[in-house]
Amino acid sequence: MLSVRLKKRQGAFELNIAFESTASGLVALFGRSGCGKTTTVNLIAGLLRPDEGSIRLGDQVLYDSDTGINVPVEHRRIGYMFQEPRLFPHLSVLGNLRYGDKRAPRAARHIELDEVVELLGLAPLVGRRAWQLSGGEKRRVALGRALLSQPRLLLLDEPLAALDAARREELMPYLARLRDRLSIPVIYVSHEFDEVLRLATHVVLLDAGSVVAQGDVASVSRRPELRAIVGPEAIGAVVEGEIEALDATSGLARVRVGEGSLSIEAEGARVGQRVRVQLLARELILAVEPPRGLSVRNCLRGSVRSIAPDDARSELLEIDIGGASVVARVTTAASAELALSVGRTVWVLVKTVSLRGRVYQAVGG
């Protein structure tokens, strides 16, 4: 368990945060640039000293302003991957990995060199020097070096920053694999919501130095505080479900979501796999009676849970589909014409093509 409660003033900026994470899983610190994400991980690592608060990792207090405890950086056993890989240029990949391994306490080993090489796909790279590596390869080596320090907590400060789209996609599966196999908490800093959707088990939403929302990905995806950060066009909901069936003829998979199901493109899918699906509010169509004669493949029955203003001409409706919720954007004129109200039964129409690129493997899926 990691428990963080911190205050820190830097010039005109003031950080005041509190959150907790479980023994394992990936906690995403998400928000715009300048909201305090990197300051937070630097405080946890001990690179900055808080003005007030406490940090507890497992049964050890790392910092407590009331008692004066402040464990030195080198004794906190925290692995830190910075935005820049910071590899040693005079060492090979293997030498960089062994540097982390040699500095680790022998009695506290929970991951070995061979496992890190396999986990991060480093076998073809071990003999190369840093200058012979691509940006994504450098990040994987830096991540491996951090893991081999045998940390009790891993801090990843925007590990995909400054990478092009191809390199980001190359590195993402390794981060997901690491999340699923590590038995330690991981704090992941990002200002890209698609990274959070794909990787996080818990989200801490930061704005101007404060925590404005936190929880699992599905609940945070529906929070109004998210709109100011990701913009109105990215507002929606994230739902999780299990693939129930594959249709070889259509190339689609059926995913059980709440009390209904969605058809998604099935490349690489398998029955029993759990996936996350992002449903954007602007892509959903509502009906107040069972639709017929449409090309739309997906229709989810639900009831309106809440209605909130979106802008001058539209509203956001949260719809309970049985064990899950989605968010739809409708114009105020359409809402009035359809007499939409809390408790009203509706049918949510979702185009399969609108889900392209918005289906991700769930944690442990």
Protein backbone atom coordinates (compact mmCIF):
# COMPACT_ATOMS: atom_id res chain seq x y z
CA MET A 1 0.00 0.00 0.00
CA LEU A 2 1.25 3.48 -0.91
CA SER A 3 -0.31 6.42 0.93
CA VAL A 4 0.55 9.96 -0.14
CA ARG A 5 -0.54 13.20 1.53
CA LEU A 6 1.63 16.17 0.57
CA LYS A 7 1.81 19.95 0.36
CA LYS A 8 4.54 21.83 -1.49
CA ARG A 9 4.82 25.47 -2.57
CA GLN A 10 7.16 26.45 -5.41
CA GLY A 11 6.91 30.13 -6.20
CA ALA A 12 3.30 30.91 -7.08
CA PHE A 13 2.46 27.20 -7.53
CA GLU A 14 1.07 25.20 -4.61
CA LEU A 15 0.64 21.42 -4.59
CA ASN A 16 -1.88 19.92 -2.18
CA ILE A 17 -2.64 16.26 -2.91
CA ALA A 18 -3.71 13.03 -1.25
CA PHE A 19 -4.17 9.55 -2.75
CA GLU A 20 -3.58 5.88 -2.05
CA SER A 21 -2.74 2.85 -4.18
CA THR A 22 -2.89 -0.88 -3.50
CA ALA A 23 0.02 -3.30 -3.29
CA SER A 24 0.16 -3.68 -7.08
CA GLY A 25 -1.31 -2.08 -10.17
CA LEU A 26 -0.65 1.07 -12.13
CA VAL A 27 -1.77 4.42 -10.77
CA ALA A 28 -1.89 7.13 -13.45
CA LEU A 29 -1.28 10.72 -12.42
CA PHE A 30 -3.12 12.49 -15.23
CA GLY A 31 -3.51 16.17 -16.05
CA ARG A 32 -2.29 19.03 -18.17
CA SER A 33 1.32 20.17 -18.21
CA GLY A 34 2.10 22.18 -15.09
CA CYS A 35 -0.57 20.59 -12.87
CA GLY A 36 2.00 19.03 -10.50
CA LYS A 37 2.50 15.48 -11.77
CA THR A 38 6.31 15.51 -11.95
CA THR A 39 6.54 17.48 -8.70
CA THR A 40 4.50 14.73 -7.04
CA VAL A 41 6.76 11.87 -8.14
CA ASN A 42 9.87 13.90 -7.23
CA LEU A 43 8.45 14.35 -3.73
CA ILE A 44 7.71 10.63 -3.45
CA ALA A 45 11.21 9.75 -4.66
CA GLY A 46 12.79 12.13 -2.14
CA LEU A 47 14.29 14.44 -4.76
CA LEU A 48 12.19 17.28 -3.34
CA ARG A 49 11.27 17.82 0.31
CA PRO A 50 7.59 18.47 1.06
CA ASP A 51 6.50 21.41 3.17
CA GLU A 52 4.00 19.24 4.98
CA GLY A 53 2.43 15.78 4.86
CA SER A 54 3.41 12.12 4.84
CA ILE A 55 4.44 9.27 2.55
CA ARG A 56 3.94 5.66 3.62
CA LEU A 57 5.05 2.65 1.54
CA GLY A 58 3.90 -0.64 3.00
CA ASP A 59 4.80 -0.67 6.67
CA GLN A 60 7.52 1.99 6.32
CA VAL A 61 7.07 5.73 6.72
CA LEU A 62 9.28 7.46 4.15
CA TYR A 63 8.35 10.98 5.16
CA ASP A 64 6.32 12.54 7.95
CA SER A 65 6.44 16.24 8.72
CA ASP A 66 4.89 15.72 12.17
CA THR A 67 7.54 13.28 13.41
CA GLY A 68 10.47 14.58 11.35
CA ILE A 69 11.01 11.31 9.45
CA ASN A 70 12.65 11.80 6.04
CA VAL A 71 14.26 8.64 4.63
CA PRO A 72 17.16 9.49 2.27
CA VAL A 73 16.66 8.89 -1.46
CA GLU A 74 19.13 6.00 -1.59
CA HIS A 75 17.32 4.12 1.17
CA ARG A 76 13.76 4.43 -0.15
CA ARG A 77 14.13 1.58 -2.69
CA ILE A 78 12.16 3.43 -5.34
CA GLY A 79 12.87 2.89 -9.03
CA TYR A 80 12.57 6.06 -11.12
CA MET A 81 12.41 6.23 -14.91
CA PHE A 82 12.83 9.85 -15.97
CA GLN A 83 11.45 11.47 -19.14
CA GLU A 84 14.91 11.08 -20.68
CA PRO A 85 16.41 7.55 -20.59
CA ARG A 86 19.78 8.72 -19.14
CA LEU A 87 21.67 5.60 -20.18
CA PHE A 88 25.43 5.38 -19.58
CA PRO A 89 26.94 5.86 -23.07
CA HIS A 90 30.18 4.04 -22.22
CA LEU A 91 28.31 0.86 -21.25
CA SER A 92 26.51 -1.69 -23.39
CA VAL A 93 22.84 -2.45 -22.87
CA LEU A 94 23.86 -5.38 -20.69
CA GLY A 95 26.21 -3.11 -18.75
CA ASN A 96 23.43 -0.60 -18.13
CA LEU A 97 21.15 -3.37 -16.90
CA ARG A 98 23.81 -4.82 -14.62
CA TYR A 99 24.43 -1.37 -13.13
CA GLY A 100 20.93 -1.43 -11.66
CA ASP A 101 21.32 -5.08 -10.66
CA LYS A 102 24.59 -4.51 -8.77
CA ARG A 103 23.14 -1.67 -6.71
CA ALA A 104 20.17 -3.72 -5.50
CA PRO A 105 20.09 -5.27 -2.01
CA ARG A 106 20.73 -9.00 -2.37
CA ALA A 107 18.16 -9.96 0.27
CA ALA A 108 15.32 -8.09 -1.44
CA ARG A 109 15.40 -9.55 -4.95
CA HIS A 110 12.04 -10.08 -6.66
CA ILE A 111 13.04 -9.94 -10.32
CA GLU A 112 16.11 -11.34 -12.10
CA LEU A 113 18.12 -10.15 -15.08
CA ASP A 114 16.90 -12.95 -17.38
CA GLU A 115 13.27 -12.18 -16.53
CA VAL A 116 13.72 -8.47 -17.27
CA VAL A 117 15.39 -9.25 -20.61
CA GLU A 118 12.48 -11.52 -21.52
CA LEU A 119 9.77 -9.18 -20.17
CA LEU A 120 11.03 -6.18 -22.16
CA GLY A 121 12.26 -8.03 -25.25
CA LEU A 122 15.87 -6.94 -24.77
CA ALA A 123 17.68 -10.10 -25.91
CA PRO A 124 18.56 -8.71 -29.40
CA LEU A 125 19.90 -5.50 -27.84
CA VAL A 126 22.18 -6.63 -24.99
CA GLY A 127 25.43 -6.14 -26.94
CA ARG A 128 24.61 -2.70 -28.36
CA ARG A 129 25.66 0.72 -27.11
CA ALA A 130 23.17 3.47 -26.27
CA TRP A 131 23.88 5.38 -29.50
CA GLN A 132 22.83 2.33 -31.52
CA LEU A 133 19.34 2.25 -30.02
CA SER A 134 16.10 3.85 -31.17
CA GLY A 135 14.14 6.07 -28.80
CA GLY A 136 11.77 3.26 -27.86
CA GLU A 137 14.64 0.82 -27.29
CA LYS A 138 16.39 3.30 -24.99
CA ARG A 139 13.22 3.61 -22.91
CA ARG A 140 12.96 -0.17 -22.58
CA VAL A 141 16.57 -0.41 -21.38
CA ALA A 142 16.05 2.43 -18.89
CA LEU A 143 12.94 0.69 -17.63
CA GLY A 144 14.85 -2.59 -17.25
CA ARG A 145 17.61 -0.86 -15.31
CA ALA A 146 15.02 0.65 -12.94
CA LEU A 147 13.39 -2.76 -12.41
CA LEU A 148 16.72 -4.42 -11.63
CA SER A 149 17.30 -2.01 -8.75
CA GLN A 150 14.67 -4.23 -7.06
CA PRO A 151 12.35 -1.35 -6.14
CA ARG A 152 9.34 -1.55 -3.85
CA LEU A 153 7.73 1.20 -5.93
CA LEU A 154 8.29 2.19 -9.56
CA LEU A 155 7.88 5.79 -10.77
CA LEU A 156 7.48 6.36 -14.52
CA ASP A 157 7.57 10.05 -15.48
CA GLU A 158 6.00 10.32 -18.96
CA PRO A 159 7.94 7.33 -20.35
CA LEU A 160 6.45 7.83 -23.83
CA ALA A 161 7.14 11.57 -24.06
CA ALA A 162 8.85 12.83 -27.22
CA LEU A 163 8.35 9.50 -29.03
CA ASP A 164 6.61 9.41 -32.39
CA ALA A 165 3.38 7.43 -32.77
CA ALA A 166 5.14 4.31 -34.08
CA ARG A 167 7.61 4.21 -31.17
CA ARG A 168 4.81 4.82 -28.65
CA GLU A 169 2.87 1.86 -30.05
CA GLU A 170 6.04 -0.23 -29.93
CA LEU A 171 6.56 0.46 -26.22
CA MET A 172 2.93 0.25 -25.04
CA PRO A 173 2.66 -3.58 -24.97
CA TYR A 174 5.79 -3.82 -22.81
CA LEU A 175 4.29 -1.38 -20.30
CA ALA A 176 1.05 -3.40 -20.20
CA ARG A 177 3.01 -6.62 -19.69
CA LEU A 178 5.01 -5.02 -16.90
CA ARG A 179 1.80 -3.79 -15.20
CA ASP A 180 0.29 -7.28 -15.25
CA ARG A 181 3.39 -9.12 -13.99
CA LEU A 182 4.79 -6.81 -11.31
CA SER A 183 3.75 -7.27 -7.70
CA ILE A 184 4.68 -3.68 -6.75
CA PRO A 185 2.77 -0.43 -7.24
CA VAL A 186 3.61 1.69 -10.28
CA ILE A 187 3.01 5.44 -10.49
CA TYR A 188 2.67 6.53 -14.12
CA VAL A 189 2.74 10.21 -15.10
CA SER A 190 0.97 11.19 -18.32
CA HIS A 191 -0.94 13.99 -20.03
CA GLU A 192 -2.18 11.67 -22.82
CA PHE A 193 -5.54 10.13 -21.94
CA ASP A 194 -5.20 7.23 -24.39
CA GLU A 195 -2.19 6.01 -22.37
CA VAL A 196 -4.30 6.13 -19.20
CA LEU A 197 -7.12 4.21 -20.90
CA ARG A 198 -4.79 1.44 -21.95
CA LEU A 199 -2.65 1.07 -18.85
CA ALA A 200 -4.16 2.39 -15.62
CA THR A 201 -5.86 0.44 -12.86
CA HIS A 202 -6.46 3.64 -10.87
CA VAL A 203 -6.50 7.27 -12.03
CA VAL A 204 -5.63 10.38 -10.02
CA LEU A 205 -6.84 13.45 -11.91
CA LEU A 206 -4.80 16.58 -11.14
CA ASP A 207 -5.60 20.18 -11.93
CA ALA A 208 -3.65 23.21 -10.71
CA GLY A 209 -1.90 21.25 -7.97
CA SER A 210 -4.97 19.54 -6.53
CA VAL A 211 -6.67 16.16 -6.89
CA VAL A 212 -10.04 16.88 -8.54
CA ALA A 213 -11.10 13.25 -9.05
CA GLN A 214 -9.75 9.74 -8.54
CA GLY A 215 -10.94 6.18 -8.98
CA ASP A 216 -10.95 3.41 -11.54
CA VAL A 217 -10.75 4.29 -15.23
CA ALA A 218 -14.47 3.74 -15.85
CA SER A 219 -15.62 6.08 -13.09
CA VAL A 220 -13.08 8.84 -13.83
CA SER A 221 -13.93 8.72 -17.56
CA ARG A 222 -17.45 9.97 -16.71
CA ARG A 223 -16.38 12.76 -14.33
CA PRO A 224 -17.15 16.33 -15.45
CA GLU A 225 -13.73 17.48 -14.20
CA LEU A 226 -12.16 15.54 -17.06
CA ARG A 227 -13.78 17.77 -19.71
CA ALA A 228 -11.60 20.78 -18.90
CA ILE A 229 -8.48 18.67 -19.47
CA VAL A 230 -9.30 16.46 -22.48
CA GLY A 231 -11.77 18.79 -24.21
CA PRO A 232 -15.45 18.26 -25.09
CA GLU A 233 -14.83 15.99 -28.08
CA ALA A 234 -13.02 13.39 -25.96
CA ILE A 235 -15.74 13.15 -23.31
CA GLY A 236 -17.35 9.72 -23.00
CA ALA A 237 -17.19 6.58 -20.92
CA VAL A 238 -14.95 3.54 -20.65
CA VAL A 239 -16.61 0.17 -20.15
CA GLU A 240 -15.06 -3.26 -19.63
CA GLY A 241 -16.35 -6.57 -20.88
CA GLU A 242 -15.47 -10.11 -21.85
CA ILE A 243 -15.37 -11.43 -25.40
CA GLU A 244 -18.11 -14.07 -25.62
CA ALA A 245 -17.90 -15.12 -29.26
CA LEU A 246 -15.97 -14.64 -32.53
CA ASP A 247 -17.61 -14.53 -35.96
CA ALA A 248 -15.13 -15.63 -38.62
CA THR A 249 -17.47 -14.55 -41.44
CA SER A 250 -17.88 -10.93 -40.35
CA GLY A 251 -14.53 -10.66 -38.58
CA LEU A 252 -16.30 -9.30 -35.49
CA ALA A 253 -16.27 -10.28 -31.83
CA ARG A 254 -19.19 -9.99 -29.39
CA VAL A 255 -18.29 -8.38 -26.06
CA ARG A 256 -20.58 -8.65 -23.05
CA VAL A 257 -20.96 -5.13 -21.57
CA GLY A 258 -23.33 -4.65 -18.66
CA GLU A 259 -26.58 -6.40 -19.60
CA GLY A 260 -25.97 -5.99 -23.33
CA SER A 261 -23.25 -6.66 -25.87
CA LEU A 262 -21.13 -4.81 -28.42
CA SER A 263 -19.70 -5.99 -31.72
CA ILE A 264 -16.08 -4.97 -32.18
CA GLU A 265 -13.46 -5.67 -34.83
CA ALA A 266 -11.86 -8.94 -33.79
CA GLU A 267 -8.26 -8.90 -35.07
CA GLY A 268 -6.15 -10.77 -32.53
CA ALA A 269 -9.10 -11.28 -30.16
CA ARG A 270 -9.85 -14.47 -28.29
CA VAL A 271 -12.90 -15.79 -26.44
CA GLY A 272 -12.67 -15.05 -22.72
CA GLN A 273 -10.40 -12.04 -23.19
CA ARG A 274 -11.34 -8.93 -21.21
CA VAL A 275 -11.22 -5.62 -23.03
CA ARG A 276 -11.82 -1.95 -22.38
CA VAL A 277 -13.95 -0.02 -24.84
CA GLN A 278 -14.08 3.78 -25.02
CA LEU A 279 -17.50 5.08 -26.07
CA LEU A 280 -17.33 8.77 -26.98
CA ALA A 281 -20.41 10.81 -26.10
CA ARG A 282 -20.49 12.45 -29.52
CA GLU A 283 -20.65 9.04 -31.26
CA LEU A 284 -23.74 7.68 -29.47
CA ILE A 285 -27.30 7.93 -30.78
CA LEU A 286 -30.33 7.61 -28.50
CA ALA A 287 -33.78 6.21 -29.26
CA VAL A 288 -36.83 6.11 -26.98
CA GLU A 289 -38.28 2.99 -28.61
CA PRO A 290 -36.64 -0.21 -29.91
CA PRO A 291 -34.99 0.71 -33.24
CA ARG A 292 -35.60 -1.32 -36.41
CA GLY A 293 -34.18 -1.48 -39.92
CA LEU A 294 -30.82 0.19 -39.16
CA SER A 295 -27.29 -0.62 -40.28
CA VAL A 296 -25.98 0.11 -36.80
CA ARG A 297 -24.80 -3.19 -35.27
CA ASN A 298 -24.87 -2.26 -31.61
CA CYS A 299 -27.92 -1.41 -29.51
CA LEU A 300 -27.75 -1.23 -25.71
CA ARG A 301 -30.91 -0.90 -23.61
CA GLY A 302 -30.64 1.30 -20.54
CA SER A 303 -32.19 4.00 -18.41
CA VAL A 304 -31.23 7.65 -17.99
CA ARG A 305 -29.39 8.09 -14.70
CA SER A 306 -28.62 11.82 -14.89
CA ILE A 307 -28.82 14.82 -17.22
CA ALA A 308 -26.31 17.67 -17.03
CA PRO A 309 -25.66 20.78 -19.13
CA ASP A 310 -22.88 20.37 -21.70
CA ASP A 311 -22.87 23.72 -23.49
CA ALA A 312 -25.48 26.26 -24.57
CA ARG A 313 -27.09 23.86 -27.04
CA SER A 314 -26.42 20.35 -25.72
CA GLU A 315 -26.71 18.08 -22.69
CA LEU A 316 -24.78 15.08 -21.38
CA LEU A 317 -26.85 12.07 -20.33
CA GLU A 318 -25.42 9.29 -18.18
CA ILE A 319 -27.18 6.03 -19.03
CA ASP A 320 -27.18 2.90 -16.88
CA ILE A 321 -26.89 -0.17 -19.11
CA GLY A 322 -26.91 -2.64 -16.20
CA GLY A 323 -23.65 -2.95 -14.31
CA ALA A 324 -22.02 -0.22 -16.41
CA SER A 325 -22.72 3.33 -17.55
CA VAL A 326 -22.20 5.28 -20.77
CA VAL A 327 -22.45 8.99 -21.56
CA ALA A 328 -24.25 10.44 -24.59
CA ARG A 329 -24.35 14.00 -25.91
CA VAL A 330 -27.66 15.23 -27.34
CA THR A 331 -28.87 18.68 -28.33
CA THR A 332 -31.26 20.37 -25.94
CA ALA A 333 -33.79 20.47 -28.78
CA ALA A 334 -33.60 16.69 -29.28
CA SER A 335 -33.76 16.11 -25.52
CA ALA A 336 -36.96 18.14 -25.29
CA GLU A 337 -38.52 16.52 -28.37
CA LEU A 338 -37.83 13.01 -27.03
CA ALA A 339 -38.95 14.02 -23.51
CA LEU A 340 -35.75 12.62 -22.04
CA SER A 341 -35.77 12.55 -18.25
CA VAL A 342 -34.15 10.69 -15.37
CA GLY A 343 -35.47 7.12 -15.30
CA ARG A 344 -36.56 7.11 -18.96
CA THR A 345 -35.79 3.88 -20.84
CA VAL A 346 -33.64 4.48 -23.91
CA TRP A 347 -31.74 2.49 -26.51
CA VAL A 348 -28.11 3.47 -27.17
CA LEU A 349 -26.93 2.97 -30.74
CA VAL A 350 -23.21 2.53 -31.39
CA LYS A 351 -21.60 2.14 -34.81
CA THR A 352 -19.00 -0.62 -34.86
CA VAL A 353 -16.69 1.52 -37.02
CA SER A 354 -16.78 4.27 -34.37
CA LEU A 355 -15.05 1.84 -31.97
CA ARG A 356 -12.08 1.32 -34.29
CA GLY A 357 -8.92 2.21 -32.36
CA ARG A 358 -10.88 2.51 -29.10
CA VAL A 359 -10.73 -1.10 -27.90
CA TYR A 360 -7.93 -2.00 -25.49
CA GLN A 361 -6.89 -5.05 -23.50
CA ALA A 362 -8.15 -4.76 -19.95
CA VAL A 363 -5.88 -5.15 -16.93
CA GLY A 364 -5.06 -8.83 -16.64
CA GLY A 365 -6.99 -9.50 -19.87
